């Protein structure tokens, strides 16, 4: 992700220190947004709490539109932003495994560490399982390497893949986000009503 600034402006050590404070601020925002609660995260899968979905969508839209405007005004060279290489089969498999883990444990890797910091025992066990999974993957990598690197598409973006301009993607995702806010609010209301009726 770094360096945050060219080394001729500030030293590498200052880059690391700034990154530390940014990480602390990110953790604080995760906690303030309710991401350290297993109920909030799992609630998105059960339909009674979509706060995590709304925060994610908001973060994606703000970041996407913000980057496009920074690029448009020449304040940021979008071509120099690192794009994670795409390995389609392994990424889809990893997404499924992570989704199942979030349903069962109520956390994702980042939110589990945020919850550990504030003293949640369930998050501690989740984090232990996380690192055991990392260890298991590392030990089994020689057997998984071929699958891991299968379906390589390079450092590709949706714009390059489809030929549709980034602005239209941003517009489309914004419409999807607004629709998701509306739909999830309806689902949330109905599910909570049923839960309330079931309790009584």
N, C-alpha and C. Protein backbone atom coordinates (compact mmCIF):
# COMPACT_ATOMS: atom_id res chain seq x y z
N UNK A 1 0.83 -1.21 0.00
CA UNK A 1 0.00 0.00 0.00
C UNK A 1 0.86 1.26 0.00
N UNK A 2 2.08 1.16 0.48
CA UNK A 2 2.90 2.34 0.60
C UNK A 2 3.96 2.40 -0.48
N UNK A 3 4.88 3.34 -0.42
CA UNK A 3 4.91 4.39 0.60
C UNK A 3 3.82 5.43 0.41
N UNK A 4 3.45 6.08 1.50
CA UNK A 4 2.40 7.09 1.43
C UNK A 4 2.91 8.36 0.74
N UNK A 5 4.18 8.66 0.95
CA UNK A 5 4.80 9.82 0.33
C UNK A 5 6.13 9.40 -0.28
N UNK A 6 6.60 10.07 -1.32
CA UNK A 6 7.92 9.75 -1.87
C UNK A 6 9.00 9.91 -0.80
N UNK A 7 10.00 9.03 -0.83
CA UNK A 7 11.04 9.05 0.20
C UNK A 7 11.88 10.33 0.17
N UNK A 8 11.80 11.08 -0.93
CA UNK A 8 12.56 12.34 -0.94
C UNK A 8 11.83 13.44 -0.18
N UNK A 9 10.57 13.20 0.19
CA UNK A 9 9.82 14.16 1.00
C UNK A 9 9.95 13.84 2.48
N UNK A 10 9.70 12.59 2.84
CA UNK A 10 9.86 12.14 4.21
C UNK A 10 10.53 10.78 4.19
N UNK A 11 11.12 10.37 5.30
CA UNK A 11 11.85 9.11 5.36
C UNK A 11 10.90 7.93 5.40
N UNK A 12 11.45 6.73 5.12
CA UNK A 12 10.66 5.52 5.19
C UNK A 12 10.11 5.26 6.58
N UNK A 13 10.87 5.64 7.62
CA UNK A 13 10.41 5.46 8.99
C UNK A 13 9.18 6.30 9.27
N UNK A 14 9.14 7.53 8.75
CA UNK A 14 7.97 8.37 8.94
C UNK A 14 6.76 7.81 8.19
N UNK A 15 7.02 7.22 7.03
CA UNK A 15 5.95 6.56 6.29
C UNK A 15 5.30 5.48 7.13
N UNK A 16 6.13 4.67 7.81
CA UNK A 16 5.62 3.59 8.64
C UNK A 16 4.85 4.14 9.84
N UNK A 17 5.34 5.23 10.42
CA UNK A 17 4.65 5.83 11.56
C UNK A 17 3.29 6.38 11.15
N UNK A 18 3.25 7.05 10.01
CA UNK A 18 1.98 7.58 9.51
C UNK A 18 1.01 6.43 9.22
N UNK A 19 1.55 5.35 8.62
CA UNK A 19 0.71 4.18 8.33
C UNK A 19 0.15 3.58 9.62
N UNK A 20 0.95 3.59 10.69
CA UNK A 20 0.48 3.09 11.98
C UNK A 20 -0.73 3.88 12.47
N UNK A 21 -0.65 5.20 12.39
CA UNK A 21 -1.76 6.04 12.85
C UNK A 21 -2.99 5.87 11.96
N UNK A 22 -2.76 5.69 10.66
CA UNK A 22 -3.88 5.45 9.76
C UNK A 22 -4.55 4.12 10.11
N UNK A 23 -3.72 3.10 10.43
CA UNK A 23 -4.27 1.81 10.84
C UNK A 23 -5.07 1.91 12.12
N UNK A 24 -4.60 2.70 13.07
CA UNK A 24 -5.32 2.90 14.32
C UNK A 24 -6.65 3.61 14.07
N UNK A 25 -6.63 4.59 13.18
CA UNK A 25 -7.86 5.31 12.84
C UNK A 25 -8.84 4.38 12.14
N UNK A 26 -8.32 3.50 11.28
CA UNK A 26 -9.18 2.54 10.59
C UNK A 26 -9.84 1.60 11.58
N UNK A 27 -9.05 1.11 12.55
CA UNK A 27 -9.61 0.23 13.59
C UNK A 27 -10.68 0.93 14.40
N UNK A 28 -10.45 2.21 14.72
CA UNK A 28 -11.43 2.99 15.48
C UNK A 28 -12.73 3.12 14.69
N UNK A 29 -12.61 3.39 13.39
CA UNK A 29 -13.80 3.53 12.55
C UNK A 29 -14.55 2.21 12.41
N UNK A 30 -13.81 1.08 12.36
CA UNK A 30 -14.46 -0.22 12.33
C UNK A 30 -15.29 -0.44 13.59
N UNK A 31 -14.70 -0.10 14.72
CA UNK A 31 -15.40 -0.26 16.00
C UNK A 31 -16.60 0.68 16.07
N UNK A 32 -16.40 1.94 15.67
CA UNK A 32 -17.48 2.93 15.73
C UNK A 32 -18.63 2.58 14.79
N UNK A 33 -18.32 1.85 13.70
CA UNK A 33 -19.34 1.47 12.73
C UNK A 33 -20.06 0.19 13.12
N UNK A 34 -19.64 -0.44 14.20
CA UNK A 34 -20.28 -1.67 14.66
C UNK A 34 -19.70 -2.93 14.07
N UNK A 35 -18.53 -2.83 13.45
CA UNK A 35 -17.93 -3.99 12.79
C UNK A 35 -17.26 -4.95 13.78
N UNK A 36 -17.14 -4.56 15.02
CA UNK A 36 -16.54 -5.47 16.01
C UNK A 36 -17.61 -6.35 16.67
N UNK A 37 -18.84 -6.22 16.25
CA UNK A 37 -19.94 -7.01 16.79
C UNK A 37 -20.26 -8.16 15.85
N UNK A 38 -20.15 -9.38 16.35
CA UNK A 38 -20.49 -10.56 15.55
C UNK A 38 -21.96 -10.54 15.14
N UNK A 39 -22.81 -10.00 16.00
CA UNK A 39 -24.24 -9.92 15.68
C UNK A 39 -24.49 -9.02 14.47
N UNK A 40 -23.77 -7.92 14.40
CA UNK A 40 -23.96 -7.00 13.28
C UNK A 40 -23.50 -7.62 11.96
N UNK A 41 -22.37 -8.32 12.01
CA UNK A 41 -21.83 -8.90 10.78
C UNK A 41 -22.67 -10.09 10.34
N UNK A 42 -22.97 -11.00 11.26
CA UNK A 42 -23.78 -12.17 10.92
C UNK A 42 -25.20 -11.76 10.56
N UNK A 43 -25.66 -10.63 11.11
CA UNK A 43 -27.02 -10.15 10.85
C UNK A 43 -27.29 -9.90 9.38
N UNK A 44 -26.23 -9.57 8.62
CA UNK A 44 -26.40 -9.34 7.18
C UNK A 44 -26.78 -10.62 6.45
N UNK A 45 -26.33 -11.77 6.98
CA UNK A 45 -26.63 -13.05 6.34
C UNK A 45 -28.01 -13.59 6.78
N UNK A 46 -28.45 -13.14 7.96
CA UNK A 46 -29.74 -13.61 8.47
C UNK A 46 -30.88 -12.62 8.23
N UNK A 47 -30.54 -11.41 7.79
CA UNK A 47 -31.55 -10.46 7.37
C UNK A 47 -32.07 -9.51 8.42
N UNK A 48 -31.50 -9.52 9.63
CA UNK A 48 -32.03 -8.63 10.66
C UNK A 48 -31.19 -7.38 10.90
N UNK A 49 -30.00 -7.30 10.28
CA UNK A 49 -29.14 -6.13 10.48
C UNK A 49 -28.21 -5.97 9.28
N UNK A 50 -28.41 -4.92 8.50
CA UNK A 50 -27.61 -4.70 7.30
C UNK A 50 -26.67 -3.50 7.43
N UNK A 51 -26.32 -3.13 8.66
CA UNK A 51 -25.45 -1.98 8.85
C UNK A 51 -24.10 -2.19 8.19
N UNK A 52 -23.58 -3.42 8.22
CA UNK A 52 -22.28 -3.71 7.62
C UNK A 52 -22.34 -3.53 6.10
N UNK A 53 -23.42 -4.01 5.49
CA UNK A 53 -23.60 -3.87 4.04
C UNK A 53 -23.65 -2.39 3.66
N UNK A 54 -24.37 -1.59 4.45
CA UNK A 54 -24.50 -0.16 4.14
C UNK A 54 -23.16 0.55 4.27
N UNK A 55 -22.39 0.20 5.31
CA UNK A 55 -21.09 0.83 5.50
C UNK A 55 -20.14 0.45 4.37
N UNK A 56 -20.16 -0.81 3.99
CA UNK A 56 -19.31 -1.27 2.89
C UNK A 56 -19.65 -0.54 1.59
N UNK A 57 -20.93 -0.50 1.26
CA UNK A 57 -21.36 0.18 0.04
C UNK A 57 -20.97 1.66 0.07
N UNK A 58 -21.16 2.29 1.22
CA UNK A 58 -20.81 3.71 1.35
C UNK A 58 -19.32 3.92 1.14
N UNK A 59 -18.50 3.06 1.74
CA UNK A 59 -17.04 3.16 1.60
C UNK A 59 -16.62 2.97 0.14
N UNK A 60 -17.22 1.99 -0.53
CA UNK A 60 -16.88 1.72 -1.92
C UNK A 60 -17.24 2.89 -2.82
N UNK A 61 -18.45 3.42 -2.66
CA UNK A 61 -18.92 4.51 -3.52
C UNK A 61 -18.10 5.78 -3.28
N UNK A 62 -17.87 6.13 -2.01
CA UNK A 62 -17.09 7.34 -1.70
C UNK A 62 -15.68 7.21 -2.25
N UNK A 63 -15.05 6.04 -2.06
CA UNK A 63 -13.69 5.83 -2.55
C UNK A 63 -13.64 5.88 -4.07
N UNK A 64 -14.60 5.22 -4.72
CA UNK A 64 -14.63 5.15 -6.18
C UNK A 64 -14.81 6.54 -6.79
N UNK A 65 -15.82 7.24 -6.34
CA UNK A 65 -16.09 8.57 -6.88
C UNK A 65 -14.96 9.53 -6.53
N UNK A 66 -14.44 9.43 -5.31
CA UNK A 66 -13.34 10.29 -4.89
C UNK A 66 -12.10 10.10 -5.74
N UNK A 67 -11.75 8.85 -6.02
CA UNK A 67 -10.58 8.57 -6.86
C UNK A 67 -10.76 9.08 -8.28
N UNK A 68 -11.97 8.93 -8.81
CA UNK A 68 -12.23 9.41 -10.16
C UNK A 68 -12.10 10.93 -10.25
N UNK A 69 -12.60 11.63 -9.23
CA UNK A 69 -12.47 13.08 -9.23
C UNK A 69 -11.02 13.52 -9.05
N UNK A 70 -10.28 12.84 -8.18
CA UNK A 70 -8.86 13.16 -7.99
C UNK A 70 -8.09 12.96 -9.30
N UNK A 71 -8.44 11.87 -10.02
CA UNK A 71 -7.80 11.63 -11.30
C UNK A 71 -8.20 12.67 -12.34
N UNK A 72 -9.48 13.06 -12.33
CA UNK A 72 -9.98 14.04 -13.30
C UNK A 72 -9.29 15.39 -13.14
N UNK A 73 -9.07 15.82 -11.89
CA UNK A 73 -8.42 17.10 -11.65
C UNK A 73 -6.89 17.02 -11.70
N UNK A 74 -6.37 15.82 -11.95
CA UNK A 74 -4.92 15.67 -12.07
C UNK A 74 -4.17 15.62 -10.76
N UNK A 75 -4.88 15.39 -9.67
CA UNK A 75 -4.24 15.33 -8.36
C UNK A 75 -3.74 13.93 -8.02
N UNK A 76 -4.16 12.96 -8.83
CA UNK A 76 -3.76 11.57 -8.59
C UNK A 76 -3.62 10.86 -9.92
N UNK A 77 -2.50 10.14 -10.08
CA UNK A 77 -2.28 9.36 -11.30
C UNK A 77 -2.86 7.97 -11.08
N UNK A 78 -4.06 7.75 -11.63
CA UNK A 78 -4.76 6.49 -11.41
C UNK A 78 -4.01 5.29 -11.97
N UNK A 79 -3.16 5.51 -12.97
CA UNK A 79 -2.43 4.40 -13.57
C UNK A 79 -1.36 3.84 -12.63
N UNK A 80 -1.02 4.60 -11.59
CA UNK A 80 0.01 4.14 -10.65
C UNK A 80 -0.58 3.45 -9.41
N UNK A 81 -1.89 3.35 -9.34
CA UNK A 81 -2.52 2.65 -8.22
C UNK A 81 -2.35 1.15 -8.43
N UNK A 82 -1.92 0.46 -7.39
CA UNK A 82 -1.69 -0.98 -7.49
C UNK A 82 -3.02 -1.72 -7.61
N UNK A 83 -3.12 -2.58 -8.61
CA UNK A 83 -4.30 -3.42 -8.82
C UNK A 83 -3.90 -4.86 -8.50
N UNK A 84 -4.61 -5.46 -7.57
CA UNK A 84 -4.31 -6.84 -7.19
C UNK A 84 -4.51 -7.75 -8.40
N UNK A 85 -3.54 -8.63 -8.70
CA UNK A 85 -3.72 -9.55 -9.84
C UNK A 85 -4.88 -10.50 -9.61
N UNK A 86 -5.57 -10.83 -10.68
CA UNK A 86 -6.76 -11.68 -10.59
C UNK A 86 -6.44 -13.12 -10.95
N UNK A 87 -6.73 -14.02 -10.01
CA UNK A 87 -6.66 -15.47 -10.24
C UNK A 87 -8.07 -15.99 -9.96
N UNK A 88 -8.88 -16.12 -10.99
CA UNK A 88 -10.33 -16.28 -10.83
C UNK A 88 -10.76 -17.48 -9.98
N UNK A 89 -10.33 -18.71 -10.27
CA UNK A 89 -10.81 -19.87 -9.49
C UNK A 89 -10.47 -19.78 -8.01
N UNK A 90 -9.21 -19.42 -7.69
CA UNK A 90 -8.81 -19.37 -6.29
C UNK A 90 -9.47 -18.21 -5.55
N UNK A 91 -9.72 -17.10 -6.25
CA UNK A 91 -10.39 -15.97 -5.61
C UNK A 91 -11.85 -16.29 -5.30
N UNK A 92 -12.52 -16.98 -6.22
CA UNK A 92 -13.91 -17.38 -5.98
C UNK A 92 -13.97 -18.36 -4.81
N UNK A 93 -13.05 -19.33 -4.80
CA UNK A 93 -13.00 -20.30 -3.70
C UNK A 93 -12.73 -19.61 -2.37
N UNK A 94 -11.78 -18.69 -2.37
CA UNK A 94 -11.46 -17.95 -1.16
C UNK A 94 -12.63 -17.11 -0.66
N UNK A 95 -13.38 -16.51 -1.60
CA UNK A 95 -14.54 -15.71 -1.22
C UNK A 95 -15.62 -16.57 -0.57
N UNK A 96 -15.83 -17.77 -1.11
CA UNK A 96 -16.82 -18.69 -0.53
C UNK A 96 -16.40 -19.11 0.87
N UNK A 97 -15.11 -19.47 1.03
CA UNK A 97 -14.59 -19.89 2.35
C UNK A 97 -14.73 -18.75 3.35
N UNK A 98 -14.38 -17.55 2.92
CA UNK A 98 -14.47 -16.39 3.83
C UNK A 98 -15.92 -16.10 4.20
N UNK A 99 -16.83 -16.22 3.22
CA UNK A 99 -18.24 -15.99 3.50
C UNK A 99 -18.80 -16.98 4.50
N UNK A 100 -18.45 -18.25 4.34
CA UNK A 100 -18.89 -19.28 5.28
C UNK A 100 -18.31 -19.00 6.67
N UNK A 101 -17.04 -18.61 6.70
CA UNK A 101 -16.40 -18.28 7.98
C UNK A 101 -17.07 -17.11 8.67
N UNK A 102 -17.50 -16.11 7.90
CA UNK A 102 -18.18 -14.95 8.48
C UNK A 102 -19.54 -15.34 9.03
N UNK A 103 -20.24 -16.25 8.34
CA UNK A 103 -21.55 -16.69 8.83
C UNK A 103 -21.39 -17.47 10.14
N UNK A 104 -20.40 -18.36 10.18
CA UNK A 104 -20.20 -19.21 11.36
C UNK A 104 -19.63 -18.41 12.53
N UNK A 105 -18.57 -17.62 12.24
CA UNK A 105 -17.86 -16.94 13.32
C UNK A 105 -18.32 -15.52 13.60
N UNK A 106 -18.96 -14.89 12.62
CA UNK A 106 -19.45 -13.53 12.83
C UNK A 106 -18.41 -12.45 12.65
N UNK A 107 -17.24 -12.80 12.11
CA UNK A 107 -16.18 -11.81 11.88
C UNK A 107 -15.52 -12.07 10.54
N UNK A 108 -14.83 -11.05 10.04
CA UNK A 108 -13.89 -11.23 8.94
C UNK A 108 -12.50 -11.01 9.56
N UNK A 109 -11.41 -11.26 8.85
CA UNK A 109 -10.08 -11.13 9.47
C UNK A 109 -9.84 -9.79 10.16
N UNK A 110 -10.16 -8.69 9.48
CA UNK A 110 -9.90 -7.37 10.06
C UNK A 110 -10.77 -7.06 11.26
N UNK A 111 -12.06 -7.36 11.15
CA UNK A 111 -12.98 -7.05 12.26
C UNK A 111 -12.71 -7.93 13.48
N UNK A 112 -12.19 -9.14 13.26
CA UNK A 112 -11.89 -10.02 14.40
C UNK A 112 -10.78 -9.41 15.24
N UNK A 113 -9.77 -8.83 14.59
CA UNK A 113 -8.68 -8.21 15.34
C UNK A 113 -9.15 -6.96 16.07
N UNK A 114 -10.06 -6.21 15.44
CA UNK A 114 -10.64 -5.05 16.12
C UNK A 114 -11.38 -5.48 17.38
N UNK A 115 -12.12 -6.58 17.28
CA UNK A 115 -12.87 -7.09 18.42
C UNK A 115 -11.95 -7.67 19.49
N UNK A 116 -10.83 -8.27 19.08
CA UNK A 116 -9.85 -8.79 20.05
C UNK A 116 -9.30 -7.65 20.89
N UNK A 117 -9.00 -6.54 20.25
CA UNK A 117 -8.41 -5.39 20.94
C UNK A 117 -9.33 -4.87 22.04
N UNK A 118 -10.66 -4.95 21.83
CA UNK A 118 -11.58 -4.45 22.86
C UNK A 118 -12.00 -5.56 23.83
N UNK A 119 -11.36 -6.73 23.71
CA UNK A 119 -11.51 -7.78 24.72
C UNK A 119 -12.59 -8.81 24.49
N UNK A 120 -13.03 -9.02 23.26
CA UNK A 120 -14.09 -10.01 23.00
C UNK A 120 -13.49 -11.41 22.85
N UNK A 121 -13.97 -12.34 23.68
CA UNK A 121 -13.43 -13.69 23.72
C UNK A 121 -13.73 -14.46 22.44
N UNK A 122 -14.96 -14.31 21.90
CA UNK A 122 -15.29 -15.03 20.67
C UNK A 122 -14.40 -14.61 19.52
N UNK A 123 -14.04 -13.32 19.49
CA UNK A 123 -13.14 -12.82 18.45
C UNK A 123 -11.74 -13.39 18.62
N UNK A 124 -11.32 -13.60 19.87
CA UNK A 124 -10.01 -14.18 20.13
C UNK A 124 -9.92 -15.58 19.54
N UNK A 125 -10.95 -16.39 19.75
CA UNK A 125 -10.95 -17.75 19.20
C UNK A 125 -11.03 -17.71 17.67
N UNK A 126 -11.77 -16.74 17.14
CA UNK A 126 -11.85 -16.58 15.68
C UNK A 126 -10.47 -16.24 15.13
N UNK A 127 -9.75 -15.32 15.79
CA UNK A 127 -8.42 -14.91 15.34
C UNK A 127 -7.43 -16.07 15.42
N UNK A 128 -7.55 -16.89 16.47
CA UNK A 128 -6.68 -18.08 16.57
C UNK A 128 -6.94 -19.02 15.40
N UNK A 129 -8.23 -19.23 15.10
CA UNK A 129 -8.59 -20.06 13.95
C UNK A 129 -8.08 -19.47 12.64
N UNK A 130 -8.11 -18.13 12.55
CA UNK A 130 -7.62 -17.44 11.37
C UNK A 130 -6.15 -17.76 11.13
N UNK A 131 -5.33 -17.64 12.19
CA UNK A 131 -3.90 -17.88 12.04
C UNK A 131 -3.59 -19.36 11.85
N UNK A 132 -4.39 -20.23 12.42
CA UNK A 132 -4.23 -21.66 12.15
C UNK A 132 -4.53 -21.96 10.68
N UNK A 133 -5.54 -21.29 10.14
CA UNK A 133 -5.86 -21.45 8.73
C UNK A 133 -4.74 -20.95 7.83
N UNK A 134 -4.13 -19.81 8.21
CA UNK A 134 -3.00 -19.27 7.45
C UNK A 134 -1.83 -20.26 7.48
N UNK A 135 -1.57 -20.84 8.67
CA UNK A 135 -0.50 -21.82 8.81
C UNK A 135 -0.78 -23.06 7.96
N UNK A 136 -2.02 -23.52 7.99
CA UNK A 136 -2.40 -24.69 7.21
C UNK A 136 -2.24 -24.43 5.71
N UNK A 137 -2.63 -23.24 5.27
CA UNK A 137 -2.48 -22.88 3.86
C UNK A 137 -1.01 -22.81 3.47
N UNK A 138 -0.20 -22.20 4.35
CA UNK A 138 1.23 -22.07 4.05
C UNK A 138 1.90 -23.44 3.94
N UNK A 139 1.54 -24.36 4.84
CA UNK A 139 2.12 -25.70 4.80
C UNK A 139 1.63 -26.50 3.59
N UNK A 140 0.40 -26.24 3.18
CA UNK A 140 -0.16 -26.97 2.04
C UNK A 140 0.03 -26.29 0.71
N UNK A 141 0.71 -25.13 0.70
CA UNK A 141 0.87 -24.36 -0.53
C UNK A 141 1.49 -25.14 -1.69
N UNK A 142 2.53 -25.96 -1.43
CA UNK A 142 3.11 -26.72 -2.55
C UNK A 142 2.07 -27.59 -3.28
N UNK A 143 1.07 -28.06 -2.57
CA UNK A 143 0.02 -28.89 -3.19
C UNK A 143 -1.07 -28.03 -3.84
N UNK A 144 -1.18 -26.78 -3.38
CA UNK A 144 -2.23 -25.89 -3.89
C UNK A 144 -1.73 -24.87 -4.91
N UNK A 145 -0.42 -24.84 -5.12
CA UNK A 145 0.18 -23.79 -5.94
C UNK A 145 -0.41 -23.73 -7.35
N UNK A 146 -0.60 -24.88 -7.97
CA UNK A 146 -1.12 -24.91 -9.34
C UNK A 146 -2.53 -24.33 -9.39
N UNK A 147 -3.38 -24.71 -8.42
CA UNK A 147 -4.74 -24.17 -8.37
C UNK A 147 -4.72 -22.68 -8.02
N UNK A 148 -3.82 -22.29 -7.12
CA UNK A 148 -3.72 -20.90 -6.68
C UNK A 148 -3.43 -19.97 -7.85
N UNK A 149 -2.61 -20.40 -8.79
CA UNK A 149 -2.22 -19.55 -9.92
C UNK A 149 -3.05 -19.79 -11.17
N UNK A 150 -4.08 -20.62 -11.07
CA UNK A 150 -4.92 -20.91 -12.23
C UNK A 150 -5.81 -19.71 -12.57
N UNK A 151 -6.20 -19.61 -13.83
CA UNK A 151 -7.12 -18.56 -14.26
C UNK A 151 -6.57 -17.16 -14.13
N UNK A 152 -5.28 -16.99 -14.37
CA UNK A 152 -4.65 -15.67 -14.21
C UNK A 152 -5.13 -14.71 -15.28
N UNK A 153 -5.66 -13.56 -14.85
CA UNK A 153 -6.14 -12.54 -15.78
C UNK A 153 -5.29 -11.27 -15.75
N UNK A 154 -4.28 -11.26 -14.89
CA UNK A 154 -3.41 -10.08 -14.79
C UNK A 154 -3.97 -9.02 -13.87
N UNK A 155 -3.37 -7.83 -13.92
CA UNK A 155 -3.80 -6.70 -13.10
C UNK A 155 -4.93 -5.98 -13.84
N UNK A 156 -6.05 -6.64 -13.93
CA UNK A 156 -7.14 -6.17 -14.79
C UNK A 156 -8.22 -5.45 -13.99
N UNK A 157 -8.84 -4.47 -14.62
CA UNK A 157 -9.97 -3.75 -14.01
C UNK A 157 -11.24 -4.05 -14.81
N UNK A 158 -12.38 -3.69 -14.23
CA UNK A 158 -13.64 -3.88 -14.94
C UNK A 158 -13.71 -3.06 -16.22
N UNK A 159 -13.08 -1.90 -16.20
CA UNK A 159 -13.04 -1.06 -17.40
C UNK A 159 -12.28 -1.75 -18.52
N UNK A 160 -11.14 -2.34 -18.18
CA UNK A 160 -10.34 -3.05 -19.19
C UNK A 160 -11.03 -4.32 -19.65
N UNK A 161 -11.73 -4.98 -18.74
CA UNK A 161 -12.39 -6.25 -19.07
C UNK A 161 -13.59 -6.06 -19.98
N UNK A 162 -14.34 -4.98 -19.74
CA UNK A 162 -15.60 -4.78 -20.47
C UNK A 162 -15.55 -3.67 -21.52
N UNK A 163 -14.58 -2.76 -21.40
CA UNK A 163 -14.54 -1.62 -22.31
C UNK A 163 -15.46 -0.49 -21.90
N UNK A 164 -16.16 -0.66 -20.78
CA UNK A 164 -17.06 0.38 -20.26
C UNK A 164 -16.25 1.35 -19.41
N UNK A 165 -16.43 2.64 -19.61
CA UNK A 165 -15.65 3.65 -18.90
C UNK A 165 -15.91 3.60 -17.39
N UNK A 166 -14.87 4.00 -16.63
CA UNK A 166 -14.93 3.95 -15.17
C UNK A 166 -16.08 4.79 -14.61
N UNK A 167 -16.37 5.91 -15.25
CA UNK A 167 -17.46 6.76 -14.78
C UNK A 167 -18.80 6.06 -14.81
N UNK A 168 -19.03 5.26 -15.85
CA UNK A 168 -20.28 4.51 -15.93
C UNK A 168 -20.35 3.42 -14.87
N UNK A 169 -19.20 2.78 -14.58
CA UNK A 169 -19.16 1.80 -13.50
C UNK A 169 -19.49 2.47 -12.17
N UNK A 170 -18.93 3.65 -11.94
CA UNK A 170 -19.20 4.38 -10.69
C UNK A 170 -20.68 4.72 -10.59
N UNK A 171 -21.27 5.17 -11.69
CA UNK A 171 -22.70 5.49 -11.71
C UNK A 171 -23.53 4.24 -11.42
N UNK A 172 -23.17 3.13 -12.08
CA UNK A 172 -23.90 1.88 -11.89
C UNK A 172 -23.85 1.37 -10.46
N UNK A 173 -22.66 1.41 -9.87
CA UNK A 173 -22.52 0.95 -8.49
C UNK A 173 -23.25 1.88 -7.52
N UNK A 174 -23.30 3.16 -7.84
CA UNK A 174 -24.04 4.10 -6.99
C UNK A 174 -25.54 3.78 -7.01
N UNK A 175 -26.06 3.49 -8.19
CA UNK A 175 -27.48 3.10 -8.32
C UNK A 175 -27.74 1.81 -7.56
N UNK A 176 -26.83 0.83 -7.71
CA UNK A 176 -26.98 -0.44 -7.01
C UNK A 176 -26.95 -0.23 -5.51
N UNK A 177 -26.05 0.64 -5.04
CA UNK A 177 -25.95 0.91 -3.60
C UNK A 177 -27.25 1.53 -3.07
N UNK A 178 -27.79 2.51 -3.78
CA UNK A 178 -29.03 3.15 -3.35
C UNK A 178 -30.18 2.14 -3.33
N UNK A 179 -30.22 1.27 -4.34
CA UNK A 179 -31.26 0.23 -4.37
C UNK A 179 -31.07 -0.74 -3.22
N UNK A 180 -29.80 -1.07 -2.92
CA UNK A 180 -29.51 -2.00 -1.81
C UNK A 180 -29.93 -1.40 -0.47
N UNK A 181 -29.70 -0.09 -0.29
CA UNK A 181 -30.13 0.57 0.95
C UNK A 181 -31.64 0.44 1.13
N UNK A 182 -32.37 0.65 0.06
CA UNK A 182 -33.83 0.60 0.11
C UNK A 182 -34.33 -0.82 0.36
N UNK A 183 -33.79 -1.78 -0.40
CA UNK A 183 -34.23 -3.18 -0.27
C UNK A 183 -33.87 -3.75 1.10
N UNK A 184 -32.65 -3.50 1.55
CA UNK A 184 -32.24 -4.05 2.86
C UNK A 184 -33.04 -3.45 4.00
N UNK A 185 -33.44 -2.20 3.86
CA UNK A 185 -34.28 -1.59 4.91
C UNK A 185 -35.62 -2.30 5.00
N UNK A 186 -36.19 -2.67 3.86
CA UNK A 186 -37.47 -3.39 3.84
C UNK A 186 -37.31 -4.79 4.45
N UNK A 187 -36.25 -5.50 4.02
CA UNK A 187 -35.99 -6.86 4.55
C UNK A 187 -35.75 -6.82 6.05
N UNK A 188 -34.94 -5.87 6.46
CA UNK A 188 -34.61 -5.72 7.88
C UNK A 188 -35.87 -5.50 8.72
N UNK A 189 -36.75 -4.65 8.24
CA UNK A 189 -37.99 -4.33 8.96
C UNK A 189 -38.87 -5.57 9.10
N UNK A 190 -39.01 -6.34 8.00
CA UNK A 190 -39.85 -7.53 8.02
C UNK A 190 -39.28 -8.62 8.92
N UNK A 191 -37.96 -8.85 8.84
CA UNK A 191 -37.33 -9.89 9.64
C UNK A 191 -37.40 -9.55 11.12
N UNK A 192 -37.14 -8.30 11.47
CA UNK A 192 -37.21 -7.89 12.88
C UNK A 192 -38.63 -8.03 13.42
N UNK A 193 -39.62 -7.74 12.57
CA UNK A 193 -41.01 -7.88 12.98
C UNK A 193 -41.34 -9.34 13.28
N UNK A 194 -40.84 -10.25 12.43
CA UNK A 194 -41.07 -11.67 12.64
C UNK A 194 -40.37 -12.18 13.89
N UNK A 195 -39.14 -11.68 14.12
CA UNK A 195 -38.40 -12.07 15.33
C UNK A 195 -39.16 -11.62 16.57
N UNK A 196 -39.70 -10.40 16.53
CA UNK A 196 -40.45 -9.88 17.66
C UNK A 196 -41.70 -10.68 17.91
N UNK A 197 -42.39 -11.06 16.84
CA UNK A 197 -43.61 -11.87 16.98
C UNK A 197 -43.28 -13.27 17.51
N UNK A 198 -42.15 -13.82 17.09
CA UNK A 198 -41.75 -15.16 17.52
C UNK A 198 -41.42 -15.16 19.03
N UNK A 199 -40.81 -14.07 19.51
CA UNK A 199 -40.43 -13.99 20.93
C UNK A 199 -41.65 -13.95 21.83
N UNK A 200 -42.74 -13.42 21.29
CA UNK A 200 -43.93 -13.30 22.12
C UNK A 200 -44.95 -14.38 21.74
